[in-house]
Amino acid sequence: MITVTTDFIPGYEIAEAIGVVRGNTIRAKHLGKDIMAGLRMLVGGEVKEYTSLLTEARNESMRRMEAQAEKLGADAVINLRFMTSQVVGGAAEMLAYGTAVKFK
């Protein structure tokens, strides 16, 4: 599955836009990692515990979006975007969405 943030893919001609596809996941902070992240914020630098949490959430939401596109018979997803929102304290949703397309 080709997935891009652009509205075209060089070398491919889009025959049909199937529609919007999306995938999401909701992740909660782990208490132990949250304590480590809090300590890391005191001394500065990258908060690796949250970086890995968001990376995992992004990857999972993309996998789910691509699975939906494949189910619809798409060849690719264009205009990929990510959005995040807090659901409750300590838990956030990661949403990946784009347009599923078929090539000529």
PDB file of N, CA and C in Angstrom:
ATOM      1  N   MET A   1       0.850  -1.179   0.000  1.00  0.00           N
ATOM      2  CA  MET A   1       0.000   0.000   0.000  1.00  0.00           C
ATOM      3  C   MET A   1       0.892   1.237   0.000  1.00  0.00           C
ATOM      4  N   ILE A   2       0.701   2.071  -0.992  1.00  0.00           N
ATOM      5  CA  ILE A   2       1.432   3.338  -1.051  1.00  0.00           C
ATOM      6  C   ILE A   2       0.646   4.354  -0.227  1.00  0.00           C
ATOM      7  N   THR A   3       1.333   5.039   0.670  1.00  0.00           N
ATOM      8  CA  THR A   3       0.707   6.050   1.513  1.00  0.00           C
ATOM      9  C   THR A   3       1.574   7.303   1.476  1.00  0.00           C
ATOM     10  N   VAL A   4       0.961   8.424   1.057  1.00  0.00           N
ATOM     11  CA  VAL A   4       1.718   9.676   0.931  1.00  0.00           C
ATOM     12  C   VAL A   4       0.934  10.849   1.522  1.00  0.00           C
ATOM     13  N   THR A   5       1.666  11.908   1.836  1.00  0.00           N
ATOM     14  CA  THR A   5       1.028  13.123   2.345  1.00  0.00           C
ATOM     15  C   THR A   5       0.658  14.082   1.227  1.00  0.00           C
ATOM     16  N   THR A   6       1.063  13.783   0.008  1.00  0.00           N
ATOM     17  CA  THR A   6       0.757  14.636  -1.141  1.00  0.00           C
ATOM     18  C   THR A   6      -0.568  14.230  -1.777  1.00  0.00           C
ATOM     19  N   ASP A   7      -1.067  15.065  -2.706  1.00  0.00           N
ATOM     20  CA  ASP A   7      -2.322  14.735  -3.369  1.00  0.00           C
ATOM     21  C   ASP A   7      -2.109  14.024  -4.712  1.00  0.00           C
ATOM     22  N   PHE A   8      -0.884  13.597  -4.966  1.00  0.00           N
ATOM     23  CA  PHE A   8      -0.569  12.818  -6.165  1.00  0.00           C
ATOM     24  C   PHE A   8       0.631  11.939  -5.857  1.00  0.00           C
ATOM     25  N   ILE A   9       0.851  10.948  -6.734  1.00  0.00           N
ATOM     26  CA  ILE A   9       2.013  10.073  -6.592  1.00  0.00           C
ATOM     27  C   ILE A   9       2.731  10.078  -7.937  1.00  0.00           C
ATOM     28  N   PRO A  10       3.947  10.599  -7.999  1.00  0.00           N
ATOM     29  CA  PRO A  10       4.663  10.654  -9.276  1.00  0.00           C
ATOM     30  C   PRO A  10       4.729   9.273  -9.939  1.00  0.00           C
ATOM     31  N   GLY A  11       4.408   9.243 -11.227  1.00  0.00           N
ATOM     32  CA  GLY A  11       4.456   8.000 -11.981  1.00  0.00           C
ATOM     33  C   GLY A  11       3.165   7.206 -11.968  1.00  0.00           C
ATOM     34  N   TYR A  12       2.171   7.659 -11.227  1.00  0.00           N
ATOM     35  CA  TYR A  12       0.881   6.969 -11.159  1.00  0.00           C
ATOM     36  C   TYR A  12      -0.226   7.945 -11.538  1.00  0.00           C
ATOM     37  N   GLU A  13      -1.230   7.440 -12.236  1.00  0.00           N
ATOM     38  CA  GLU A  13      -2.385   8.255 -12.569  1.00  0.00           C
ATOM     39  C   GLU A  13      -3.579   7.728 -11.777  1.00  0.00           C
ATOM     40  N   ILE A  14      -4.224   8.618 -11.064  1.00  0.00           N
ATOM     41  CA  ILE A  14      -5.355   8.227 -10.231  1.00  0.00           C
ATOM     42  C   ILE A  14      -6.602   8.142 -11.102  1.00  0.00           C
ATOM     43  N   ALA A  15      -7.271   6.995 -11.042  1.00  0.00           N
ATOM     44  CA  ALA A  15      -8.484   6.787 -11.824  1.00  0.00           C
ATOM     45  C   ALA A  15      -9.733   7.110 -11.011  1.00  0.00           C
ATOM     46  N   GLU A  16      -9.657   6.875  -9.704  1.00  0.00           N
ATOM     47  CA  GLU A  16     -10.850   7.021  -8.877  1.00  0.00           C
ATOM     48  C   GLU A  16     -10.475   7.309  -7.434  1.00  0.00           C
ATOM     49  N   ALA A  17     -11.195   8.248  -6.840  1.00  0.00           N
ATOM     50  CA  ALA A  17     -11.088   8.479  -5.400  1.00  0.00           C
ATOM     51  C   ALA A  17     -12.191   7.665  -4.744  1.00  0.00           C
ATOM     52  N   ILE A  18     -11.818   6.689  -3.953  1.00  0.00           N
ATOM     53  CA  ILE A  18     -12.802   5.804  -3.322  1.00  0.00           C
ATOM     54  C   ILE A  18     -13.480   6.505  -2.152  1.00  0.00           C
ATOM     55  N   GLY A  19     -12.704   7.251  -1.383  1.00  0.00           N
ATOM     56  CA  GLY A  19     -13.267   7.979  -0.248  1.00  0.00           C
ATOM     57  C   GLY A  19     -12.293   8.086   0.900  1.00  0.00           C
ATOM     58  N   VAL A  20     -12.747   8.695   1.963  1.00  0.00           N
ATOM     59  CA  VAL A  20     -11.927   8.907   3.150  1.00  0.00           C
ATOM     60  C   VAL A  20     -11.781   7.583   3.902  1.00  0.00           C
ATOM     61  N   VAL A  21     -10.554   7.305   4.316  1.00  0.00           N
ATOM     62  CA  VAL A  21     -10.284   6.147   5.167  1.00  0.00           C
ATOM     63  C   VAL A  21      -9.594   6.654   6.424  1.00  0.00           C
ATOM     64  N   ARG A  22      -9.782   5.928   7.500  1.00  0.00           N
ATOM     65  CA  ARG A  22      -9.198   6.380   8.764  1.00  0.00           C
ATOM     66  C   ARG A  22      -8.891   5.192   9.664  1.00  0.00           C
ATOM     67  N   GLY A  23      -8.001   5.437  10.582  1.00  0.00           N
ATOM     68  CA  GLY A  23      -7.662   4.456  11.595  1.00  0.00           C
ATOM     69  C   GLY A  23      -7.313   5.214  12.854  1.00  0.00           C
ATOM     70  N   ASN A  24      -7.698   4.672  13.987  1.00  0.00           N
ATOM     71  CA  ASN A  24      -7.386   5.373  15.225  1.00  0.00           C
ATOM     72  C   ASN A  24      -7.036   4.392  16.330  1.00  0.00           C
ATOM     73  N   THR A  25      -6.437   4.929  17.354  1.00  0.00           N
ATOM     74  CA  THR A  25      -6.146   4.180  18.572  1.00  0.00           C
ATOM     75  C   THR A  25      -6.155   5.169  19.725  1.00  0.00           C
ATOM     76  N   ILE A  26      -6.506   4.672  20.874  1.00  0.00           N
ATOM     77  CA  ILE A  26      -6.471   5.494  22.087  1.00  0.00           C
ATOM     78  C   ILE A  26      -5.461   4.866  23.024  1.00  0.00           C
ATOM     79  N   ARG A  27      -4.505   5.656  23.438  1.00  0.00           N
ATOM     80  CA  ARG A  27      -3.423   5.161  24.299  1.00  0.00           C
ATOM     81  C   ARG A  27      -3.429   5.904  25.619  1.00  0.00           C
ATOM     82  N   ALA A  28      -3.137   5.167  26.674  1.00  0.00           N
ATOM     83  CA  ALA A  28      -3.042   5.751  28.008  1.00  0.00           C
ATOM     84  C   ALA A  28      -1.601   5.700  28.483  1.00  0.00           C
ATOM     85  N   LYS A  29      -1.248   6.638  29.313  1.00  0.00           N
ATOM     86  CA  LYS A  29       0.091   6.655  29.883  1.00  0.00           C
ATOM     87  C   LYS A  29       0.241   5.519  30.883  1.00  0.00           C
ATOM     88  N   HIS A  30       1.434   4.992  30.968  1.00  0.00           N
ATOM     89  CA  HIS A  30       1.779   3.952  31.938  1.00  0.00           C
ATOM     90  C   HIS A  30       2.356   4.664  33.152  1.00  0.00           C
ATOM     91  N   LEU A  31       1.873   4.340  34.338  1.00  0.00           N
ATOM     92  CA  LEU A  31       2.282   5.047  35.555  1.00  0.00           C
ATOM     93  C   LEU A  31       3.798   5.078  35.731  1.00  0.00           C
ATOM     94  N   GLY A  32       4.457   3.934  35.530  1.00  0.00           N
ATOM     95  CA  GLY A  32       5.911   3.889  35.687  1.00  0.00           C
ATOM     96  C   GLY A  32       6.615   4.793  34.694  1.00  0.00           C
ATOM     97  N   LYS A  33       6.172   4.751  33.439  1.00  0.00           N
ATOM     98  CA  LYS A  33       6.778   5.606  32.416  1.00  0.00           C
ATOM     99  C   LYS A  33       6.449   7.071  32.667  1.00  0.00           C
ATOM    100  N   ASP A  34       5.255   7.326  33.216  1.00  0.00           N
ATOM    101  CA  ASP A  34       4.861   8.700  33.505  1.00  0.00           C
ATOM    102  C   ASP A  34       5.750   9.297  34.596  1.00  0.00           C
ATOM    103  N   ILE A  35       6.107   8.498  35.580  1.00  0.00           N
ATOM    104  CA  ILE A  35       7.002   8.964  36.647  1.00  0.00           C
ATOM    105  C   ILE A  35       8.376   9.281  36.062  1.00  0.00           C
ATOM    106  N   MET A  36       8.877   8.373  35.205  1.00  0.00           N
ATOM    107  CA  MET A  36      10.181   8.606  34.566  1.00  0.00           C
ATOM    108  C   MET A  36      10.137   9.858  33.688  1.00  0.00           C
ATOM    109  N   ALA A  37       9.044  10.044  32.957  1.00  0.00           N
ATOM    110  CA  ALA A  37       8.906  11.222  32.100  1.00  0.00           C
ATOM    111  C   ALA A  37       8.900  12.493  32.938  1.00  0.00           C
ATOM    112  N   GLY A  38       8.217  12.454  34.082  1.00  0.00           N
ATOM    113  CA  GLY A  38       8.183  13.611  34.967  1.00  0.00           C
ATOM    114  C   GLY A  38       9.568  13.973  35.478  1.00  0.00           C
ATOM    115  N   LEU A  39      10.363  12.958  35.831  1.00  0.00           N
ATOM    116  CA  LEU A  39      11.737  13.212  36.275  1.00  0.00           C
ATOM    117  C   LEU A  39      12.585  13.781  35.142  1.00  0.00           C
ATOM    118  N   ARG A  40      12.377  13.253  33.933  1.00  0.00           N
ATOM    119  CA  ARG A  40      13.144  13.720  32.780  1.00  0.00           C
ATOM    120  C   ARG A  40      12.819  15.184  32.468  1.00  0.00           C
ATOM    121  N   MET A  41      11.562  15.578  32.705  1.00  0.00           N
ATOM    122  CA  MET A  41      11.178  16.975  32.444  1.00  0.00           C
ATOM    123  C   MET A  41      11.870  17.938  33.406  1.00  0.00           C
ATOM    124  N   LEU A  42      12.253  17.442  34.564  1.00  0.00           N
ATOM    125  CA  LEU A  42      12.958  18.291  35.521  1.00  0.00           C
ATOM    126  C   LEU A  42      14.358  18.645  35.037  1.00  0.00           C
ATOM    127  N   VAL A  43      15.004  17.708  34.357  1.00  0.00           N
ATOM    128  CA  VAL A  43      16.380  17.941  33.909  1.00  0.00           C
ATOM    129  C   VAL A  43      16.455  18.370  32.445  1.00  0.00           C
ATOM    130  N   GLY A  44      15.354  18.271  31.739  1.00  0.00           N
ATOM    131  CA  GLY A  44      15.324  18.702  30.337  1.00  0.00           C
ATOM    132  C   GLY A  44      15.692  17.578  29.383  1.00  0.00           C
ATOM    133  N   GLY A  45      15.509  17.835  28.116  1.00  0.00           N
ATOM    134  CA  GLY A  45      15.822  16.856  27.086  1.00  0.00           C
ATOM    135  C   GLY A  45      14.576  16.161  26.557  1.00  0.00           C
ATOM    136  N   GLU A  46      14.802  15.230  25.665  1.00  0.00           N
ATOM    137  CA  GLU A  46      13.697  14.508  25.053  1.00  0.00           C
ATOM    138  C   GLU A  46      13.008  13.613  26.078  1.00  0.00           C
ATOM    139  N   VAL A  47      11.696  13.604  26.046  1.00  0.00           N
ATOM    140  CA  VAL A  47      10.919  12.740  26.929  1.00  0.00           C
ATOM    141  C   VAL A  47      10.632  11.464  26.129  1.00  0.00           C
ATOM    142  N   LYS A  48      11.584  10.531  26.187  1.00  0.00           N
ATOM    143  CA  LYS A  48      11.553   9.334  25.341  1.00  0.00           C
ATOM    144  C   LYS A  48      10.337   8.456  25.611  1.00  0.00           C
ATOM    145  N   GLU A  49       9.842   8.461  26.837  1.00  0.00           N
ATOM    146  CA  GLU A  49       8.684   7.643  27.175  1.00  0.00           C
ATOM    147  C   GLU A  49       7.460   8.083  26.357  1.00  0.00           C
ATOM    148  N   TYR A  50       7.281   9.396  26.201  1.00  0.00           N
ATOM    149  CA  TYR A  50       6.150   9.900  25.425  1.00  0.00           C
ATOM    150  C   TYR A  50       6.420   9.795  23.928  1.00  0.00           C
ATOM    151  N   THR A  51       7.671   9.942  23.524  1.00  0.00           N
ATOM    152  CA  THR A  51       8.020   9.789  22.110  1.00  0.00           C
ATOM    153  C   THR A  51       7.662   8.394  21.630  1.00  0.00           C
ATOM    154  N   SER A  52       8.029   7.379  22.410  1.00  0.00           N
ATOM    155  CA  SER A  52       7.726   6.004  21.994  1.00  0.00           C
ATOM    156  C   SER A  52       6.228   5.737  22.031  1.00  0.00           C
ATOM    157  N   LEU A  53       5.529   6.292  22.999  1.00  0.00           N
ATOM    158  CA  LEU A  53       4.079   6.133  23.082  1.00  0.00           C
ATOM    159  C   LEU A  53       3.403   6.696  21.831  1.00  0.00           C
ATOM    160  N   LEU A  54       3.797   7.896  21.427  1.00  0.00           N
ATOM    161  CA  LEU A  54       3.194   8.519  20.253  1.00  0.00           C
ATOM    162  C   LEU A  54       3.603   7.822  18.960  1.00  0.00           C
ATOM    163  N   THR A  55       4.829   7.334  18.897  1.00  0.00           N
ATOM    164  CA  THR A  55       5.276   6.587  17.713  1.00  0.00           C
ATOM    165  C   THR A  55       4.457   5.318  17.545  1.00  0.00           C
ATOM    166  N   GLU A  56       4.248   4.585  18.625  1.00  0.00           N
ATOM    167  CA  GLU A  56       3.425   3.371  18.580  1.00  0.00           C
ATOM    168  C   GLU A  56       1.999   3.690  18.163  1.00  0.00           C
ATOM    169  N   ALA A  57       1.448   4.759  18.701  1.00  0.00           N
ATOM    170  CA  ALA A  57       0.074   5.146  18.371  1.00  0.00           C
ATOM    171  C   ALA A  57      -0.043   5.550  16.908  1.00  0.00           C
ATOM    172  N   ARG A  58       0.926   6.301  16.407  1.00  0.00           N
ATOM    173  CA  ARG A  58       0.924   6.711  14.993  1.00  0.00           C
ATOM    174  C   ARG A  58       0.994   5.492  14.083  1.00  0.00           C
ATOM    175  N   ASN A  59       1.902   4.568  14.391  1.00  0.00           N
ATOM    176  CA  ASN A  59       2.056   3.357  13.577  1.00  0.00           C
ATOM    177  C   ASN A  59       0.789   2.510  13.570  1.00  0.00           C
ATOM    178  N   GLU A  60       0.171   2.346  14.721  1.00  0.00           N
ATOM    179  CA  GLU A  60      -1.055   1.547  14.802  1.00  0.00           C
ATOM    180  C   GLU A  60      -2.199   2.212  14.047  1.00  0.00           C
ATOM    181  N   SER A  61      -2.356   3.511  14.193  1.00  0.00           N
ATOM    182  CA  SER A  61      -3.442   4.195  13.484  1.00  0.00           C
ATOM    183  C   SER A  61      -3.229   4.124  11.970  1.00  0.00           C
ATOM    184  N   MET A  62      -1.978   4.204  11.515  1.00  0.00           N
ATOM    185  CA  MET A  62      -1.692   4.059  10.079  1.00  0.00           C
ATOM    186  C   MET A  62      -2.020   2.653   9.594  1.00  0.00           C
ATOM    187  N   ARG A  63      -1.630   1.633  10.361  1.00  0.00           N
ATOM    188  CA  ARG A  63      -1.950   0.244   9.983  1.00  0.00           C
ATOM    189  C   ARG A  63      -3.453   0.047   9.831  1.00  0.00           C
ATOM    190  N   ARG A  64      -4.201   0.597  10.748  1.00  0.00           N
ATOM    191  CA  ARG A  64      -5.658   0.449  10.692  1.00  0.00           C
ATOM    192  C   ARG A  64      -6.256   1.202   9.506  1.00  0.00           C
ATOM    193  N   MET A  65      -5.728   2.384   9.217  1.00  0.00           N
ATOM    194  CA  MET A  65      -6.198   3.143   8.060  1.00  0.00           C
ATOM    195  C   MET A  65      -5.908   2.382   6.771  1.00  0.00           C
ATOM    196  N   GLU A  66      -4.685   1.860   6.640  1.00  0.00           N
ATOM    197  CA  GLU A  66      -4.301   1.111   5.441  1.00  0.00           C
ATOM    198  C   GLU A  66      -5.139  -0.158   5.296  1.00  0.00           C
ATOM    199  N   ALA A  67      -5.466  -0.811   6.402  1.00  0.00           N
ATOM    200  CA  ALA A  67      -6.313  -2.006   6.349  1.00  0.00           C
ATOM    201  C   ALA A  67      -7.696  -1.663   5.818  1.00  0.00           C
ATOM    202  N   GLN A  68      -8.233  -0.526   6.229  1.00  0.00           N
ATOM    203  CA  GLN A  68      -9.539  -0.098   5.728  1.00  0.00           C
ATOM    204  C   GLN A  68      -9.454   0.190   4.229  1.00  0.00           C
ATOM    205  N   ALA A  69      -8.371   0.830   3.800  1.00  0.00           N
ATOM    206  CA  ALA A  69      -8.196   1.131   2.373  1.00  0.00           C
ATOM    207  C   ALA A  69      -8.098  -0.153   1.552  1.00  0.00           C
ATOM    208  N   GLU A  70      -7.350  -1.124   2.058  1.00  0.00           N
ATOM    209  CA  GLU A  70      -7.221  -2.406   1.355  1.00  0.00           C
ATOM    210  C   GLU A  70      -8.563  -3.118   1.250  1.00  0.00           C
ATOM    211  N   LYS A  71      -9.354  -3.034   2.301  1.00  0.00           N
ATOM    212  CA  LYS A  71     -10.689  -3.636   2.309  1.00  0.00           C
ATOM    213  C   LYS A  71     -11.575  -3.037   1.209  1.00  0.00           C
ATOM    214  N   LEU A  72     -11.361  -1.760   0.930  1.00  0.00           N
ATOM    215  CA  LEU A  72     -12.138  -1.065  -0.100  1.00  0.00           C
ATOM    216  C   LEU A  72     -11.558  -1.271  -1.496  1.00  0.00           C
ATOM    217  N   GLY A  73     -10.426  -1.976  -1.596  1.00  0.00           N
ATOM    218  CA  GLY A  73      -9.806  -2.233  -2.885  1.00  0.00           C
ATOM    219  C   GLY A  73      -8.921  -1.105  -3.390  1.00  0.00           C
ATOM    220  N   ALA A  74      -8.470  -0.262  -2.507  1.00  0.00           N
ATOM    221  CA  ALA A  74      -7.630   0.875  -2.895  1.00  0.00           C
ATOM    222  C   ALA A  74      -6.215   0.427  -3.224  1.00  0.00           C
ATOM    223  N   ASP A  75      -5.568   1.191  -4.086  1.00  0.00           N
ATOM    224  CA  ASP A  75      -4.160   0.972  -4.414  1.00  0.00           C
ATOM    225  C   ASP A  75      -3.245   1.840  -3.552  1.00  0.00           C
ATOM    226  N   ALA A  76      -3.790   2.944  -3.049  1.00  0.00           N
ATOM    227  CA  ALA A  76      -2.972   3.892  -2.292  1.00  0.00           C
ATOM    228  C   ALA A  76      -3.860   4.768  -1.423  1.00  0.00           C
ATOM    229  N   VAL A  77      -3.208   5.484  -0.499  1.00  0.00           N
ATOM    230  CA  VAL A  77      -3.870   6.511   0.296  1.00  0.00           C
ATOM    231  C   VAL A  77      -3.074   7.791   0.090  1.00  0.00           C
ATOM    232  N   ILE A  78      -3.758   8.831  -0.349  1.00  0.00           N
ATOM    233  CA  ILE A  78      -3.104  10.129  -0.550  1.00  0.00           C
ATOM    234  C   ILE A  78      -3.598  11.114   0.520  1.00  0.00           C
ATOM    235  N   ASN A  79      -2.897  12.221   0.640  1.00  0.00           N
ATOM    236  CA  ASN A  79      -3.243  13.276   1.605  1.00  0.00           C
ATOM    237  C   ASN A  79      -3.315  12.764   3.047  1.00  0.00           C
ATOM    238  N   LEU A  80      -2.394  11.885   3.422  1.00  0.00           N
ATOM    239  CA  LEU A  80      -2.356  11.362   4.789  1.00  0.00           C
ATOM    240  C   LEU A  80      -2.169  12.500   5.783  1.00  0.00           C
ATOM    241  N   ARG A  81      -2.965  12.468   6.831  1.00  0.00           N
ATOM    242  CA  ARG A  81      -2.865  13.441   7.917  1.00  0.00           C
ATOM    243  C   ARG A  81      -3.002  12.714   9.247  1.00  0.00           C
ATOM    244  N   PHE A  82      -2.480  13.329  10.292  1.00  0.00           N
ATOM    245  CA  PHE A  82      -2.622  12.813  11.648  1.00  0.00           C
ATOM    246  C   PHE A  82      -3.296  13.872  12.507  1.00  0.00           C
ATOM    247  N   MET A  83      -4.061  13.416  13.470  1.00  0.00           N
ATOM    248  CA  MET A  83      -4.695  14.318  14.419  1.00  0.00           C
ATOM    249  C   MET A  83      -4.684  13.619  15.771  1.00  0.00           C
ATOM    250  N   THR A  84      -4.513  14.376  16.803  1.00  0.00           N
ATOM    251  CA  THR A  84      -4.551  13.806  18.143  1.00  0.00           C
ATOM    252  C   THR A  84      -5.452  14.656  19.021  1.00  0.00           C
ATOM    253  N   SER A  85      -6.091  14.005  19.973  1.00  0.00           N
ATOM    254  CA  SER A  85      -6.933  14.731  20.920  1.00  0.00           C
ATOM    255  C   SER A  85      -6.948  13.978  22.235  1.00  0.00           C
ATOM    256  N   GLN A  86      -7.091  14.721  23.305  1.00  0.00           N
ATOM    257  CA  GLN A  86      -7.163  14.103  24.636  1.00  0.00           C
ATOM    258  C   GLN A  86      -8.574  13.580  24.837  1.00  0.00           C
ATOM    259  N   VAL A  87      -8.690  12.334  25.263  1.00  0.00           N
ATOM    260  CA  VAL A  87      -9.996  11.720  25.507  1.00  0.00           C
ATOM    261  C   VAL A  87     -10.386  11.944  26.970  1.00  0.00           C
ATOM    262  N   VAL A  88      -9.493  11.554  27.862  1.00  0.00           N
ATOM    263  CA  VAL A  88      -9.632  11.809  29.305  1.00  0.00           C
ATOM    264  C   VAL A  88      -8.226  12.086  29.817  1.00  0.00           C
ATOM    265  N   GLY A  89      -8.108  12.534  31.030  1.00  0.00           N
ATOM    266  CA  GLY A  89      -6.784  12.783  31.584  1.00  0.00           C
ATOM    267  C   GLY A  89      -5.904  11.549  31.501  1.00  0.00           C
ATOM    268  N   GLY A  90      -4.779  11.671  30.834  1.00  0.00           N
ATOM    269  CA  GLY A  90      -3.846  10.556  30.730  1.00  0.00           C
ATOM    270  C   GLY A  90      -4.066   9.644  29.545  1.00  0.00           C
ATOM    271  N   ALA A  91      -5.090   9.899  28.713  1.00  0.00           N
ATOM    272  CA  ALA A  91      -5.335   9.078  27.526  1.00  0.00           C
ATOM    273  C   ALA A  91      -5.618   9.980  26.330  1.00  0.00           C
ATOM    274  N   ALA A  92      -5.017   9.630  25.196  1.00  0.00           N
ATOM    275  CA  ALA A  92      -5.190  10.438  23.990  1.00  0.00           C
ATOM    276  C   ALA A  92      -5.482   9.547  22.792  1.00  0.00           C
ATOM    277  N   GLU A  93      -6.215  10.111  21.852  1.00  0.00           N
ATOM    278  CA  GLU A  93      -6.514   9.414  20.603  1.00  0.00           C
ATOM    279  C   GLU A  93      -5.552   9.888  19.529  1.00  0.00           C
ATOM    280  N   MET A  94      -5.058   8.954  18.731  1.00  0.00           N
ATOM    281  CA  MET A  94      -4.275   9.276  17.541  1.00  0.00           C
ATOM    282  C   MET A  94      -5.110   8.818  16.359  1.00  0.00           C
ATOM    283  N   LEU A  95      -5.368   9.722  15.431  1.00  0.00           N
ATOM    284  CA  LEU A  95      -6.178   9.433  14.252  1.00  0.00           C
ATOM    285  C   LEU A  95      -5.344   9.674  13.005  1.00  0.00           C
ATOM    286  N   ALA A  96      -5.331   8.685  12.113  1.00  0.00           N
ATOM    287  CA  ALA A  96      -4.701   8.838  10.795  1.00  0.00           C
ATOM    288  C   ALA A  96      -5.832   8.807   9.779  1.00  0.00           C
ATOM    289  N   TYR A  97      -5.806   9.726   8.807  1.00  0.00           N
ATOM    290  CA  TYR A  97      -6.847   9.723   7.790  1.00  0.00           C
ATOM    291  C   TYR A  97      -6.283  10.215   6.465  1.00  0.00           C
ATOM    292  N   GLY A  98      -6.938   9.811   5.402  1.00  0.00           N
ATOM    293  CA  GLY A  98      -6.516  10.200   4.064  1.00  0.00           C
ATOM    294  C   GLY A  98      -7.571   9.776   3.059  1.00  0.00           C
ATOM    295  N   THR A  99      -7.249   9.912   1.774  1.00  0.00           N
ATOM    296  CA  THR A  99      -8.163   9.555   0.706  1.00  0.00           C
ATOM    297  C   THR A  99      -7.670   8.295   0.018  1.00  0.00           C
ATOM    298  N   ALA A 100      -8.510   7.265   0.003  1.00  0.00           N
ATOM    299  CA  ALA A 100      -8.191   6.008  -0.676  1.00  0.00           C
ATOM    300  C   ALA A 100      -8.441   6.198  -2.174  1.00  0.00           C
ATOM    301  N   VAL A 101      -7.479   5.753  -2.993  1.00  0.00           N
ATOM    302  CA  VAL A 101      -7.600   5.916  -4.443  1.00  0.00           C
ATOM    303  C   VAL A 101      -7.245   4.626  -5.178  1.00  0.00           C
ATOM    304  N   LYS A 102      -7.733   4.541  -6.414  1.00  0.00           N
ATOM    305  CA  LYS A 102      -7.365   3.454  -7.330  1.00  0.00           C
ATOM    306  C   LYS A 102      -6.605   4.080  -8.490  1.00  0.00           C
ATOM    307  N   PHE A 103      -5.612   3.351  -9.004  1.00  0.00           N
ATOM    308  CA  PHE A 103      -4.835   3.803 -10.148  1.00  0.00           C
ATOM    309  C   PHE A 103      -5.475   3.353 -11.447  1.00  0.00           C
ATOM    310  N   LYS A 104      -5.120   4.046 -12.520  1.00  0.00           N
ATOM    311  CA  LYS A 104      -5.538   3.623 -13.862  1.00  0.00           C
ATOM    312  C   LYS A 104      -4.756   2.407 -14.259  1.00  0.00           C
TER     313      LYS A 104
END
